[in-house]
PDB file of N, CA and C in Angstrom:
ATOM      1  N   MET A   1     167.423  69.745  64.331  1.00  0.00           N
ATOM      2  CA  MET A   1     166.475  70.811  64.023  1.00  0.00           C
ATOM      3  C   MET A   1     165.602  71.040  65.257  1.00  0.00           C
ATOM      4  N   SER A   2     165.277  72.292  65.464  1.00  0.00           N
ATOM      5  CA  SER A   2     164.455  72.687  66.605  1.00  0.00           C
ATOM      6  C   SER A   2     163.212  73.415  66.111  1.00  0.00           C
ATOM      7  N   GLU A   3     162.203  73.444  66.963  1.00  0.00           N
ATOM      8  CA  GLU A   3     160.981  74.175  66.655  1.00  0.00           C
ATOM      9  C   GLU A   3     160.989  75.502  67.407  1.00  0.00           C
ATOM     10  N   TYR A   4     160.449  76.514  66.745  1.00  0.00           N
ATOM     11  CA  TYR A   4     160.374  77.855  67.312  1.00  0.00           C
ATOM     12  C   TYR A   4     158.960  78.387  67.131  1.00  0.00           C
ATOM     13  N   ILE A   5     158.443  79.008  68.180  1.00  0.00           N
ATOM     14  CA  ILE A   5     157.139  79.665  68.117  1.00  0.00           C
ATOM     15  C   ILE A   5     157.371  81.128  67.760  1.00  0.00           C
ATOM     16  N   VAL A   6     156.723  81.574  66.703  1.00  0.00           N
ATOM     17  CA  VAL A   6     156.783  82.980  66.304  1.00  0.00           C
ATOM     18  C   VAL A   6     155.401  83.577  66.545  1.00  0.00           C
ATOM     19  N   THR A   7     155.347  84.566  67.419  1.00  0.00           N
ATOM     20  CA  THR A   7     154.114  85.308  67.645  1.00  0.00           C
ATOM     21  C   THR A   7     154.268  86.644  66.939  1.00  0.00           C
ATOM     22  N   SER A   8     153.341  86.931  66.051  1.00  0.00           N
ATOM     23  CA  SER A   8     153.416  88.115  65.195  1.00  0.00           C
ATOM     24  C   SER A   8     152.246  89.033  65.541  1.00  0.00           C
ATOM     25  N   ASN A   9     152.545  90.213  66.083  1.00  0.00           N
ATOM     26  CA  ASN A   9     151.503  91.122  66.582  1.00  0.00           C
ATOM     27  C   ASN A   9     151.398  92.373  65.724  1.00  0.00           C
ATOM     28  N   LEU A  10     150.163  92.732  65.411  1.00  0.00           N
ATOM     29  CA  LEU A  10     149.848  93.896  64.592  1.00  0.00           C
ATOM     30  C   LEU A  10     150.352  95.172  65.263  1.00  0.00           C
ATOM     31  N   ILE A  11     151.001  96.020  64.476  1.00  0.00           N
ATOM     32  CA  ILE A  11     151.482  97.310  64.978  1.00  0.00           C
ATOM     33  C   ILE A  11     150.475  98.407  64.634  1.00  0.00           C
ATOM     34  N   GLY A  12     150.075  98.471  63.385  1.00  0.00           N
ATOM     35  CA  GLY A  12     149.156  99.522  62.926  1.00  0.00           C
ATOM     36  C   GLY A  12     147.745  98.992  62.764  1.00  0.00           C
ATOM     37  N   SER A  13     147.109  99.439  61.703  1.00  0.00           N
ATOM     38  CA  SER A  13     145.731  99.027  61.445  1.00  0.00           C
ATOM     39  C   SER A  13     145.696  97.711  60.667  1.00  0.00           C
ATOM     40  N   TYR A  14     144.638  96.977  60.857  1.00  0.00           N
ATOM     41  CA  TYR A  14     144.439  95.720  60.137  1.00  0.00           C
ATOM     42  C   TYR A  14     144.418  95.976  58.626  1.00  0.00           C
ATOM     43  N   GLU A  15     143.830  97.092  58.217  1.00  0.00           N
ATOM     44  CA  GLU A  15     143.718  97.427  56.803  1.00  0.00           C
ATOM     45  C   GLU A  15     145.089  97.612  56.141  1.00  0.00           C
ATOM     46  N   SER A  16     146.097  98.006  56.925  1.00  0.00           N
ATOM     47  CA  SER A  16     147.430  98.223  56.361  1.00  0.00           C
ATOM     48  C   SER A  16     148.081  96.930  55.876  1.00  0.00           C
ATOM     49  N   LEU A  17     147.553  95.794  56.309  1.00  0.00           N
ATOM     50  CA  LEU A  17     148.104  94.505  55.901  1.00  0.00           C
ATOM     51  C   LEU A  17     147.706  94.112  54.481  1.00  0.00           C
ATOM     52  N   ALA A  18     146.580  94.608  54.014  1.00  0.00           N
ATOM     53  CA  ALA A  18     145.990  94.150  52.750  1.00  0.00           C
ATOM     54  C   ALA A  18     146.971  94.114  51.571  1.00  0.00           C
ATOM     55  N   PRO A  19     147.772  95.154  51.333  1.00  0.00           N
ATOM     56  CA  PRO A  19     148.668  95.112  50.170  1.00  0.00           C
ATOM     57  C   PRO A  19     149.749  94.020  50.269  1.00  0.00           C
ATOM     58  N   TYR A  20     149.990  93.514  51.467  1.00  0.00           N
ATOM     59  CA  TYR A  20     151.061  92.542  51.681  1.00  0.00           C
ATOM     60  C   TYR A  20     150.553  91.140  52.011  1.00  0.00           C
ATOM     61  N   ARG A  21     149.237  90.982  52.103  1.00  0.00           N
ATOM     62  CA  ARG A  21     148.664  89.704  52.532  1.00  0.00           C
ATOM     63  C   ARG A  21     149.088  88.545  51.626  1.00  0.00           C
ATOM     64  N   GLU A  22     148.993  88.738  50.319  1.00  0.00           N
ATOM     65  CA  GLU A  22     149.363  87.666  49.389  1.00  0.00           C
ATOM     66  C   GLU A  22     150.852  87.335  49.516  1.00  0.00           C
ATOM     67  N   ASP A  23     151.696  88.348  49.635  1.00  0.00           N
ATOM     68  CA  ASP A  23     153.133  88.103  49.807  1.00  0.00           C
ATOM     69  C   ASP A  23     153.410  87.345  51.101  1.00  0.00           C
ATOM     70  N   HIS A  24     152.710  87.714  52.166  1.00  0.00           N
ATOM     71  CA  HIS A  24     152.853  87.037  53.459  1.00  0.00           C
ATOM     72  C   HIS A  24     152.472  85.565  53.331  1.00  0.00           C
ATOM     73  N   LEU A  25     151.332  85.296  52.735  1.00  0.00           N
ATOM     74  CA  LEU A  25     150.876  83.903  52.586  1.00  0.00           C
ATOM     75  C   LEU A  25     151.796  83.115  51.663  1.00  0.00           C
ATOM     76  N   ASN A  26     152.276  83.738  50.599  1.00  0.00           N
ATOM     77  CA  ASN A  26     153.224  83.067  49.707  1.00  0.00           C
ATOM     78  C   ASN A  26     154.524  82.750  50.427  1.00  0.00           C
ATOM     79  N   TYR A  27     154.979  83.665  51.283  1.00  0.00           N
ATOM     80  CA  TYR A  27     156.206  83.437  52.046  1.00  0.00           C
ATOM     81  C   TYR A  27     156.029  82.231  52.969  1.00  0.00           C
ATOM     82  N   LEU A  28     154.911  82.184  53.680  1.00  0.00           N
ATOM     83  CA  LEU A  28     154.664  81.053  54.581  1.00  0.00           C
ATOM     84  C   LEU A  28     154.516  79.752  53.803  1.00  0.00           C
ATOM     85  N   THR A  29     153.925  79.806  52.621  1.00  0.00           N
ATOM     86  CA  THR A  29     153.805  78.611  51.779  1.00  0.00           C
ATOM     87  C   THR A  29     155.188  78.123  51.354  1.00  0.00           C
ATOM     88  N   ARG A  30     156.070  79.048  51.000  1.00  0.00           N
ATOM     89  CA  ARG A  30     157.446  78.654  50.651  1.00  0.00           C
ATOM     90  C   ARG A  30     158.157  78.017  51.838  1.00  0.00           C
ATOM     91  N   LEU A  31     157.951  78.567  53.029  1.00  0.00           N
ATOM     92  CA  LEU A  31     158.542  77.962  54.224  1.00  0.00           C
ATOM     93  C   LEU A  31     157.987  76.558  54.455  1.00  0.00           C
ATOM     94  N   LYS A  32     156.704  76.379  54.249  1.00  0.00           N
ATOM     95  CA  LYS A  32     156.072  75.065  54.403  1.00  0.00           C
ATOM     96  C   LYS A  32     156.657  74.087  53.399  1.00  0.00           C
ATOM     97  N   ASN A  33     156.757  74.507  52.151  1.00  0.00           N
ATOM     98  CA  ASN A  33     157.267  73.631  51.093  1.00  0.00           C
ATOM     99  C   ASN A  33     158.734  73.267  51.291  1.00  0.00           C
ATOM    100  N   SER A  34     159.490  74.143  51.944  1.00  0.00           N
ATOM    101  CA  SER A  34     160.903  73.870  52.185  1.00  0.00           C
ATOM    102  C   SER A  34     161.131  73.069  53.464  1.00  0.00           C
ATOM    103  N   GLY A  35     160.055  72.820  54.213  1.00  0.00           N
ATOM    104  CA  GLY A  35     160.174  72.063  55.455  1.00  0.00           C
ATOM    105  C   GLY A  35     160.479  72.914  56.672  1.00  0.00           C
ATOM    106  N   ASN A  36     160.413  74.241  56.529  1.00  0.00           N
ATOM    107  CA  ASN A  36     160.715  75.123  57.652  1.00  0.00           C
ATOM    108  C   ASN A  36     159.485  75.624  58.406  1.00  0.00           C
ATOM    109  N   LEU A  37     158.303  75.264  57.952  1.00  0.00           N
ATOM    110  CA  LEU A  37     157.087  75.697  58.644  1.00  0.00           C
ATOM    111  C   LEU A  37     156.275  74.477  59.033  1.00  0.00           C
ATOM    112  N   GLN A  38     156.006  74.369  60.325  1.00  0.00           N
ATOM    113  CA  GLN A  38     155.180  73.275  60.837  1.00  0.00           C
ATOM    114  C   GLN A  38     153.701  73.597  60.644  1.00  0.00           C
ATOM    115  N   MET A  39     153.298  74.766  61.136  1.00  0.00           N
ATOM    116  CA  MET A  39     151.905  75.211  61.018  1.00  0.00           C
ATOM    117  C   MET A  39     151.834  76.691  61.315  1.00  0.00           C
ATOM    118  N   GLY A  40     150.737  77.296  60.926  1.00  0.00           N
ATOM    119  CA  GLY A  40     150.553  78.717  61.195  1.00  0.00           C
ATOM    120  C   GLY A  40     149.098  79.101  61.081  1.00  0.00           C
ATOM    121  N   GLY A  41     148.765  80.249  61.633  1.00  0.00           N
ATOM    122  CA  GLY A  41     147.403  80.746  61.549  1.00  0.00           C
ATOM    123  C   GLY A  41     147.296  82.123  62.164  1.00  0.00           C
ATOM    124  N   ARG A  42     146.133  82.728  61.950  1.00  0.00           N
ATOM    125  CA  ARG A  42     145.899  84.086  62.449  1.00  0.00           C
ATOM    126  C   ARG A  42     145.073  84.039  63.724  1.00  0.00           C
ATOM    127  N   PHE A  43     145.190  85.101  64.515  1.00  0.00           N
ATOM    128  CA  PHE A  43     144.321  85.254  65.672  1.00  0.00           C
ATOM    129  C   PHE A  43     142.972  85.761  65.174  1.00  0.00           C
ATOM    130  N   THR A  44     141.909  85.253  65.725  1.00  0.00           N
ATOM    131  CA  THR A  44     140.576  85.600  65.222  1.00  0.00           C
ATOM    132  C   THR A  44     140.191  87.051  65.478  1.00  0.00           C
ATOM    133  N   ASP A  45     140.907  87.743  66.355  1.00  0.00           N
ATOM    134  CA  ASP A  45     140.608  89.162  66.576  1.00  0.00           C
ATOM    135  C   ASP A  45     141.295  90.064  65.548  1.00  0.00           C
ATOM    136  N   GLY A  46     142.066  89.463  64.610  1.00  0.00           N
ATOM    137  CA  GLY A  46     142.721  90.225  63.558  1.00  0.00           C
ATOM    138  C   GLY A  46     143.974  90.967  63.994  1.00  0.00           C
ATOM    139  N   LYS A  47     144.455  90.707  65.202  1.00  0.00           N
ATOM    140  CA  LYS A  47     145.586  91.460  65.730  1.00  0.00           C
ATOM    141  C   LYS A  47     146.925  90.747  65.597  1.00  0.00           C
ATOM    142  N   GLY A  48     146.971  89.724  64.742  1.00  0.00           N
ATOM    143  CA  GLY A  48     148.236  89.038  64.527  1.00  0.00           C
ATOM    144  C   GLY A  48     148.038  87.564  64.256  1.00  0.00           C
ATOM    145  N   GLY A  49     149.118  86.817  64.468  1.00  0.00           N
ATOM    146  CA  GLY A  49     149.068  85.391  64.224  1.00  0.00           C
ATOM    147  C   GLY A  49     150.231  84.690  64.906  1.00  0.00           C
ATOM    148  N   LEU A  50     150.295  83.398  64.676  1.00  0.00           N
ATOM    149  CA  LEU A  50     151.322  82.582  65.297  1.00  0.00           C
ATOM    150  C   LEU A  50     151.716  81.504  64.311  1.00  0.00           C
ATOM    151  N   TYR A  51     153.000  81.190  64.260  1.00  0.00           N
ATOM    152  CA  TYR A  51     153.415  80.039  63.474  1.00  0.00           C
ATOM    153  C   TYR A  51     154.583  79.337  64.135  1.00  0.00           C
ATOM    154  N   ILE A  52     154.745  78.090  63.778  1.00  0.00           N
ATOM    155  CA  ILE A  52     155.829  77.275  64.303  1.00  0.00           C
ATOM    156  C   ILE A  52     156.778  76.987  63.160  1.00  0.00           C
ATOM    157  N   ILE A  53     158.021  77.442  63.322  1.00  0.00           N
ATOM    158  CA  ILE A  53     159.024  77.188  62.292  1.00  0.00           C
ATOM    159  C   ILE A  53     160.044  76.175  62.801  1.00  0.00           C
ATOM    160  N   ILE A  54     160.684  75.524  61.870  1.00  0.00           N
ATOM    161  CA  ILE A  54     161.705  74.522  62.154  1.00  0.00           C
ATOM    162  C   ILE A  54     163.014  75.068  61.595  1.00  0.00           C
ATOM    163  N   ALA A  55     164.031  75.121  62.458  1.00  0.00           N
ATOM    164  CA  ALA A  55     165.315  75.679  62.044  1.00  0.00           C
ATOM    165  C   ALA A  55     166.439  74.963  62.773  1.00  0.00           C
ATOM    166  N   SER A  56     167.634  75.105  62.221  1.00  0.00           N
ATOM    167  CA  SER A  56     168.795  74.435  62.801  1.00  0.00           C
ATOM    168  C   SER A  56     169.488  75.274  63.870  1.00  0.00           C
ATOM    169  N   SER A  57     169.114  76.567  63.991  1.00  0.00           N
ATOM    170  CA  SER A  57     169.739  77.429  64.992  1.00  0.00           C
ATOM    171  C   SER A  57     168.820  78.602  65.311  1.00  0.00           C
ATOM    172  N   ASP A  58     169.113  79.278  66.418  1.00  0.00           N
ATOM    173  CA  ASP A  58     168.366  80.481  66.770  1.00  0.00           C
ATOM    174  C   ASP A  58     168.494  81.527  65.676  1.00  0.00           C
ATOM    175  N   GLU A  59     169.696  81.644  65.105  1.00  0.00           N
ATOM    176  CA  GLU A  59     169.941  82.642  64.068  1.00  0.00           C
ATOM    177  C   GLU A  59     169.120  82.362  62.810  1.00  0.00           C
ATOM    178  N   GLU A  60     169.045  81.090  62.414  1.00  0.00           N
ATOM    179  CA  GLU A  60     168.239  80.746  61.239  1.00  0.00           C
ATOM    180  C   GLU A  60     166.767  81.018  61.510  1.00  0.00           C
ATOM    181  N   ALA A  61     166.298  80.659  62.695  1.00  0.00           N
ATOM    182  CA  ALA A  61     164.891  80.887  63.038  1.00  0.00           C
ATOM    183  C   ALA A  61     164.561  82.375  62.992  1.00  0.00           C
ATOM    184  N   GLU A  62     165.440  83.198  63.539  1.00  0.00           N
ATOM    185  CA  GLU A  62     165.198  84.636  63.526  1.00  0.00           C
ATOM    186  C   GLU A  62     165.205  85.178  62.102  1.00  0.00           C
ATOM    187  N   ALA A  63     166.123  84.702  61.279  1.00  0.00           N
ATOM    188  CA  ALA A  63     166.176  85.153  59.884  1.00  0.00           C
ATOM    189  C   ALA A  63     164.893  84.772  59.143  1.00  0.00           C
ATOM    190  N   LEU A  64     164.377  83.581  59.392  1.00  0.00           N
ATOM    191  CA  LEU A  64     163.133  83.157  58.744  1.00  0.00           C
ATOM    192  C   LEU A  64     161.968  84.036  59.183  1.00  0.00           C
ATOM    193  N   ALA A  65     161.893  84.336  60.464  1.00  0.00           N
ATOM    194  CA  ALA A  65     160.812  85.191  60.963  1.00  0.00           C
ATOM    195  C   ALA A  65     160.944  86.610  60.400  1.00  0.00           C
ATOM    196  N   LYS A  66     162.158  87.133  60.362  1.00  0.00           N
ATOM    197  CA  LYS A  66     162.382  88.483  59.839  1.00  0.00           C
ATOM    198  C   LYS A  66     162.023  88.593  58.365  1.00  0.00           C
ATOM    199  N   GLY A  67     162.063  87.479  57.627  1.00  0.00           N
ATOM    200  CA  GLY A  67     161.766  87.492  56.204  1.00  0.00           C
ATOM    201  C   GLY A  67     160.295  87.610  55.861  1.00  0.00           C
ATOM    202  N   ASP A  68     159.420  87.461  56.839  1.00  0.00           N
ATOM    203  CA  ASP A  68     157.977  87.592  56.611  1.00  0.00           C
ATOM    204  C   ASP A  68     157.696  89.023  56.144  1.00  0.00           C
ATOM    205  N   PRO A  69     157.017  89.187  54.999  1.00  0.00           N
ATOM    206  CA  PRO A  69     156.742  90.536  54.492  1.00  0.00           C
ATOM    207  C   PRO A  69     156.049  91.458  55.498  1.00  0.00           C
ATOM    208  N   TYR A  70     155.248  90.922  56.391  1.00  0.00           N
ATOM    209  CA  TYR A  70     154.635  91.761  57.423  1.00  0.00           C
ATOM    210  C   TYR A  70     155.702  92.341  58.354  1.00  0.00           C
ATOM    211  N   HIS A  71     156.746  91.570  58.618  1.00  0.00           N
ATOM    212  CA  HIS A  71     157.818  92.048  59.492  1.00  0.00           C
ATOM    213  C   HIS A  71     158.767  92.966  58.723  1.00  0.00           C
ATOM    214  N   VAL A  72     159.077  92.595  57.492  1.00  0.00           N
ATOM    215  CA  VAL A  72     159.967  93.410  56.653  1.00  0.00           C
ATOM    216  C   VAL A  72     159.409  94.826  56.502  1.00  0.00           C
ATOM    217  N   ASN A  73     158.104  94.930  56.361  1.00  0.00           N
ATOM    218  CA  ASN A  73     157.450  96.222  56.127  1.00  0.00           C
ATOM    219  C   ASN A  73     156.943  96.881  57.407  1.00  0.00           C
ATOM    220  N   ASN A  74     157.390  96.370  58.555  1.00  0.00           N
ATOM    221  CA  ASN A  74     157.055  96.954  59.861  1.00  0.00           C
ATOM    222  C   ASN A  74     155.561  97.094  60.114  1.00  0.00           C
ATOM    223  N   LEU A  75     154.797  96.088  59.674  1.00  0.00           N
ATOM    224  CA  LEU A  75     153.363  96.072  59.914  1.00  0.00           C
ATOM    225  C   LEU A  75     153.024  95.242  61.147  1.00  0.00           C
ATOM    226  N   ARG A  76     153.918  94.327  61.461  1.00  0.00           N
ATOM    227  CA  ARG A  76     153.794  93.508  62.666  1.00  0.00           C
ATOM    228  C   ARG A  76     155.167  93.407  63.309  1.00  0.00           C
ATOM    229  N   GLU A  77     155.165  93.240  64.622  1.00  0.00           N
ATOM    230  CA  GLU A  77     156.395  92.948  65.331  1.00  0.00           C
ATOM    231  C   GLU A  77     156.298  91.516  65.838  1.00  0.00           C
ATOM    232  N   PHE A  78     157.432  90.858  65.964  1.00  0.00           N
ATOM    233  CA  PHE A  78     157.374  89.454  66.355  1.00  0.00           C
ATOM    234  C   PHE A  78     158.244  89.169  67.563  1.00  0.00           C
ATOM    235  N   THR A  79     157.847  88.120  68.259  1.00  0.00           N
ATOM    236  CA  THR A  79     158.681  87.505  69.283  1.00  0.00           C
ATOM    237  C   THR A  79     158.893  86.069  68.847  1.00  0.00           C
ATOM    238  N   ILE A  80     160.034  85.539  69.207  1.00  0.00           N
ATOM    239  CA  ILE A  80     160.359  84.175  68.804  1.00  0.00           C
ATOM    240  C   ILE A  80     160.976  83.466  70.001  1.00  0.00           C
ATOM    241  N   ARG A  81     160.525  82.235  70.210  1.00  0.00           N
ATOM    242  CA  ARG A  81     161.052  81.441  71.319  1.00  0.00           C
ATOM    243  C   ARG A  81     161.212  80.005  70.862  1.00  0.00           C
ATOM    244  N   GLN A  82     162.328  79.418  71.254  1.00  0.00           N
ATOM    245  CA  GLN A  82     162.514  77.991  70.960  1.00  0.00           C
ATOM    246  C   GLN A  82     161.523  77.218  71.809  1.00  0.00           C
ATOM    247  N   TRP A  83     160.982  76.168  71.214  1.00  0.00           N
ATOM    248  CA  TRP A  83     159.924  75.406  71.853  1.00  0.00           C
ATOM    249  C   TRP A  83     160.319  73.935  71.843  1.00  0.00           C
ATOM    250  N   GLU A  84     160.053  73.272  72.954  1.00  0.00           N
ATOM    251  CA  GLU A  84     160.329  71.842  73.063  1.00  0.00           C
ATOM    252  C   GLU A  84     159.008  71.097  73.192  1.00  0.00           C
ATOM    253  N   ARG A  85     158.654  70.388  72.131  1.00  0.00           N
ATOM    254  CA  ARG A  85     157.405  69.646  72.107  1.00  0.00           C
ATOM    255  C   ARG A  85     157.494  68.472  73.079  1.00  0.00           C
ATOM    256  N   LYS A  86     156.464  68.298  73.875  1.00  0.00           N
ATOM    257  CA  LYS A  86     156.420  67.193  74.844  1.00  0.00           C
ATOM    258  C   LYS A  86     155.341  66.159  74.504  1.00  0.00           C
ATOM    259  N   ILE A  87     154.293  66.605  73.867  1.00  0.00           N
ATOM    260  CA  ILE A  87     153.197  65.677  73.536  1.00  0.00           C
ATOM    261  C   ILE A  87     152.904  65.782  72.046  1.00  0.00           C
TER     262      ILE A  87
END
């Protein structure tokens, strides 16, 4: 299993996230409960967030990131990079 950094950046207005916020948090909670989410949080300027997912392949990591309701509904765009923890 590898770790991946997902950076999720706001596309539209912060207010557009409100109808999907609970779904987004529930999705991340499901990832955490399944062992696929290490940690996550929002940027304090409200323009996005970052989370670390655990996956067995690049394809699985991308599928997990794409499943975030913010990404599904085109409210945020994401970048994903495999990360190698050193410390």
